[in-house]
Amino acid sequence: MDRKEIEQKVKEILADRLDIDIEKIKLDSDLVDELGMDSFIAVELMFELKEKLGINVSEKEFSNIGTVRDIVNFIRKNRAK
């Protein structure tokens, strides 16, 4: 899966979880301030990333993620392992 495919999948997951138009989600969108993600949705997102992309994200790791780009980079880094 290349960077664009990962980015598209992350945007699809976020659009579904946050009930927003995928076109509003940009790489530099802040998950909390711009997209409205709360802690409950963050937990759901962690489970969905594991289910759909095979990525395990701990709560501690996720607390360091602030943007869509951060998620994409995290996935790319951890899929390579």
N, C-alpha and C. Protein backbone atom coordinates (compact mmCIF):
# COMPACT_ATOMS: atom_id res chain seq x y z
N MET A 1 0.86 -1.17 0.00
CA MET A 1 0.00 0.00 0.00
C MET A 1 0.91 1.24 0.00
N ASP A 2 0.74 2.10 -0.98
CA ASP A 2 1.57 3.30 -1.03
C ASP A 2 0.96 4.44 -0.22
N ARG A 3 1.72 5.55 -0.14
CA ARG A 3 1.31 6.68 0.70
C ARG A 3 -0.08 7.21 0.34
N LYS A 4 -0.37 7.33 -0.96
CA LYS A 4 -1.67 7.85 -1.41
C LYS A 4 -2.81 6.91 -1.00
N GLU A 5 -2.57 5.61 -1.11
CA GLU A 5 -3.60 4.64 -0.73
C GLU A 5 -3.86 4.69 0.78
N ILE A 6 -2.78 4.81 1.55
CA ILE A 6 -2.93 4.92 3.00
C ILE A 6 -3.69 6.20 3.34
N GLU A 7 -3.30 7.31 2.71
CA GLU A 7 -3.97 8.59 2.96
C GLU A 7 -5.46 8.50 2.64
N GLN A 8 -5.81 7.89 1.52
CA GLN A 8 -7.21 7.77 1.13
C GLN A 8 -7.98 6.91 2.13
N LYS A 9 -7.38 5.80 2.56
CA LYS A 9 -8.05 4.90 3.51
C LYS A 9 -8.27 5.61 4.85
N VAL A 10 -7.25 6.34 5.31
CA VAL A 10 -7.38 7.08 6.57
C VAL A 10 -8.49 8.11 6.47
N LYS A 11 -8.53 8.83 5.35
CA LYS A 11 -9.58 9.84 5.15
C LYS A 11 -10.96 9.19 5.13
N GLU A 12 -11.08 8.04 4.49
CA GLU A 12 -12.37 7.33 4.45
C GLU A 12 -12.81 6.93 5.86
N ILE A 13 -11.88 6.40 6.64
CA ILE A 13 -12.19 5.99 8.00
C ILE A 13 -12.61 7.20 8.83
N LEU A 14 -11.84 8.28 8.73
CA LEU A 14 -12.16 9.49 9.49
C LEU A 14 -13.52 10.07 9.08
N ALA A 15 -13.78 10.12 7.78
CA ALA A 15 -15.05 10.66 7.29
C ALA A 15 -16.22 9.86 7.85
N ASP A 16 -16.06 8.54 7.88
CA ASP A 16 -17.12 7.68 8.41
C ASP A 16 -17.28 7.87 9.93
N ARG A 17 -16.18 7.82 10.65
CA ARG A 17 -16.22 7.95 12.11
C ARG A 17 -16.71 9.32 12.56
N LEU A 18 -16.30 10.36 11.85
CA LEU A 18 -16.62 11.73 12.27
C LEU A 18 -17.87 12.28 11.57
N ASP A 19 -18.42 11.48 10.65
CA ASP A 19 -19.62 11.86 9.91
C ASP A 19 -19.44 13.23 9.22
N ILE A 20 -18.33 13.34 8.48
CA ILE A 20 -18.06 14.56 7.71
C ILE A 20 -17.71 14.20 6.28
N ASP A 21 -17.80 15.17 5.40
CA ASP A 21 -17.47 15.00 3.99
C ASP A 21 -15.97 14.76 3.86
N ILE A 22 -15.60 13.72 3.14
CA ILE A 22 -14.20 13.37 2.96
C ILE A 22 -13.39 14.51 2.34
N GLU A 23 -14.04 15.34 1.54
CA GLU A 23 -13.36 16.46 0.89
C GLU A 23 -12.89 17.51 1.90
N LYS A 24 -13.48 17.53 3.08
CA LYS A 24 -13.08 18.49 4.12
C LYS A 24 -11.84 18.04 4.89
N ILE A 25 -11.44 16.80 4.67
CA ILE A 25 -10.30 16.25 5.41
C ILE A 25 -9.04 16.44 4.58
N LYS A 26 -8.12 17.22 5.12
CA LYS A 26 -6.84 17.49 4.47
C LYS A 26 -5.72 16.86 5.29
N LEU A 27 -4.57 16.67 4.70
CA LEU A 27 -3.45 16.06 5.40
C LEU A 27 -3.08 16.82 6.68
N ASP A 28 -3.16 18.13 6.62
CA ASP A 28 -2.78 18.93 7.79
C ASP A 28 -3.95 19.29 8.69
N SER A 29 -5.11 18.66 8.47
CA SER A 29 -6.27 18.91 9.34
C SER A 29 -5.96 18.42 10.75
N ASP A 30 -6.22 19.28 11.72
CA ASP A 30 -6.06 18.91 13.12
C ASP A 30 -7.24 18.03 13.52
N LEU A 31 -6.94 16.89 14.09
CA LEU A 31 -7.99 15.92 14.40
C LEU A 31 -9.01 16.45 15.40
N VAL A 32 -8.58 17.19 16.38
CA VAL A 32 -9.48 17.69 17.42
C VAL A 32 -10.07 19.03 17.02
N ASP A 33 -9.23 20.01 16.77
CA ASP A 33 -9.69 21.37 16.53
C ASP A 33 -10.46 21.55 15.23
N GLU A 34 -10.02 20.89 14.17
CA GLU A 34 -10.66 21.08 12.87
C GLU A 34 -11.69 20.00 12.53
N LEU A 35 -11.41 18.77 12.96
CA LEU A 35 -12.30 17.67 12.59
C LEU A 35 -13.23 17.25 13.71
N GLY A 36 -12.99 17.72 14.92
CA GLY A 36 -13.90 17.46 16.02
C GLY A 36 -13.80 16.09 16.66
N MET A 37 -12.64 15.45 16.56
CA MET A 37 -12.48 14.14 17.16
C MET A 37 -12.39 14.26 18.68
N ASP A 38 -13.10 13.39 19.38
CA ASP A 38 -13.01 13.35 20.83
C ASP A 38 -12.36 12.02 21.25
N SER A 39 -12.21 11.81 22.53
CA SER A 39 -11.51 10.62 23.01
C SER A 39 -12.25 9.32 22.66
N PHE A 40 -13.56 9.35 22.65
CA PHE A 40 -14.33 8.16 22.28
C PHE A 40 -14.07 7.78 20.82
N ILE A 41 -14.09 8.76 19.95
CA ILE A 41 -13.84 8.50 18.53
C ILE A 41 -12.39 8.07 18.33
N ALA A 42 -11.47 8.62 19.11
CA ALA A 42 -10.06 8.22 19.01
C ALA A 42 -9.90 6.73 19.30
N VAL A 43 -10.59 6.24 20.32
CA VAL A 43 -10.53 4.81 20.65
C VAL A 43 -11.10 3.99 19.50
N GLU A 44 -12.24 4.40 18.96
CA GLU A 44 -12.83 3.70 17.82
C GLU A 44 -11.86 3.69 16.64
N LEU A 45 -11.21 4.81 16.41
CA LEU A 45 -10.26 4.92 15.30
C LEU A 45 -9.09 3.97 15.49
N MET A 46 -8.58 3.85 16.71
CA MET A 46 -7.48 2.93 16.98
C MET A 46 -7.88 1.50 16.63
N PHE A 47 -9.09 1.10 17.01
CA PHE A 47 -9.57 -0.25 16.70
C PHE A 47 -9.76 -0.44 15.19
N GLU A 48 -10.27 0.58 14.53
CA GLU A 48 -10.51 0.47 13.09
C GLU A 48 -9.20 0.41 12.31
N LEU A 49 -8.19 1.16 12.74
CA LEU A 49 -6.88 1.09 12.08
C LEU A 49 -6.30 -0.31 12.21
N LYS A 50 -6.49 -0.93 13.36
CA LYS A 50 -6.01 -2.30 13.55
C LYS A 50 -6.77 -3.26 12.65
N GLU A 51 -8.09 -3.12 12.63
CA GLU A 51 -8.93 -4.02 11.85
C GLU A 51 -8.69 -3.89 10.35
N LYS A 52 -8.65 -2.67 9.84
CA LYS A 52 -8.59 -2.46 8.40
C LYS A 52 -7.18 -2.38 7.83
N LEU A 53 -6.21 -1.97 8.67
CA LEU A 53 -4.85 -1.79 8.16
C LEU A 53 -3.80 -2.61 8.89
N GLY A 54 -4.23 -3.36 9.91
CA GLY A 54 -3.31 -4.21 10.63
C GLY A 54 -2.30 -3.44 11.48
N ILE A 55 -2.68 -2.24 11.91
CA ILE A 55 -1.79 -1.39 12.70
C ILE A 55 -2.26 -1.34 14.14
N ASN A 56 -1.38 -1.70 15.06
CA ASN A 56 -1.68 -1.56 16.48
C ASN A 56 -1.20 -0.20 16.95
N VAL A 57 -2.09 0.56 17.54
CA VAL A 57 -1.76 1.89 18.06
C VAL A 57 -2.14 1.92 19.53
N SER A 58 -1.16 2.17 20.37
CA SER A 58 -1.47 2.28 21.80
C SER A 58 -2.04 3.67 22.08
N GLU A 59 -2.68 3.81 23.23
CA GLU A 59 -3.22 5.13 23.60
C GLU A 59 -2.09 6.15 23.72
N LYS A 60 -0.95 5.71 24.24
CA LYS A 60 0.20 6.62 24.38
C LYS A 60 0.68 7.09 23.01
N GLU A 61 0.81 6.15 22.06
CA GLU A 61 1.24 6.52 20.71
C GLU A 61 0.21 7.46 20.07
N PHE A 62 -1.05 7.14 20.26
CA PHE A 62 -2.10 7.95 19.63
C PHE A 62 -2.14 9.36 20.22
N SER A 63 -1.73 9.50 21.46
CA SER A 63 -1.74 10.83 22.07
C SER A 63 -0.73 11.77 21.41
N ASN A 64 0.23 11.20 20.67
CA ASN A 64 1.23 12.01 19.95
C ASN A 64 0.78 12.34 18.53
N ILE A 65 -0.38 11.85 18.14
CA ILE A 65 -0.90 12.09 16.80
C ILE A 65 -1.86 13.25 16.84
N GLY A 66 -1.59 14.28 16.02
CA GLY A 66 -2.44 15.47 16.04
C GLY A 66 -3.12 15.78 14.72
N THR A 67 -2.57 15.25 13.63
CA THR A 67 -3.11 15.56 12.30
C THR A 67 -3.30 14.28 11.49
N VAL A 68 -3.99 14.44 10.38
CA VAL A 68 -4.16 13.32 9.46
C VAL A 68 -2.79 12.86 8.97
N ARG A 69 -1.91 13.80 8.68
CA ARG A 69 -0.55 13.46 8.22
C ARG A 69 0.17 12.59 9.26
N ASP A 70 -0.02 12.90 10.55
CA ASP A 70 0.60 12.11 11.61
C ASP A 70 0.13 10.66 11.56
N ILE A 71 -1.15 10.46 11.31
CA ILE A 71 -1.69 9.09 11.20
C ILE A 71 -1.06 8.37 10.03
N VAL A 72 -1.03 9.03 8.87
CA VAL A 72 -0.46 8.43 7.66
C VAL A 72 1.01 8.06 7.90
N ASN A 73 1.77 8.97 8.48
CA ASN A 73 3.19 8.70 8.75
C ASN A 73 3.37 7.55 9.74
N PHE A 74 2.52 7.51 10.76
CA PHE A 74 2.58 6.44 11.74
C PHE A 74 2.32 5.09 11.07
N ILE A 75 1.32 5.04 10.22
CA ILE A 75 0.99 3.79 9.52
C ILE A 75 2.14 3.37 8.62
N ARG A 76 2.68 4.29 7.86
CA ARG A 76 3.79 3.95 6.96
C ARG A 76 4.98 3.42 7.75
N LYS A 77 5.29 4.07 8.85
CA LYS A 77 6.44 3.66 9.67
C LYS A 77 6.21 2.27 10.26
N ASN A 78 5.00 2.02 10.75
CA ASN A 78 4.74 0.78 11.46
C ASN A 78 4.36 -0.38 10.55
N ARG A 79 3.97 -0.11 9.33
CA ARG A 79 3.71 -1.21 8.38
C ARG A 79 5.01 -1.76 7.85
N ALA A 80 6.05 -0.95 7.88
CA ALA A 80 7.35 -1.36 7.36
C ALA A 80 8.05 -2.35 8.29
N LYS A 81 7.58 -2.45 9.54
CA LYS A 81 8.21 -3.34 10.52
C LYS A 81 7.85 -4.77 10.27
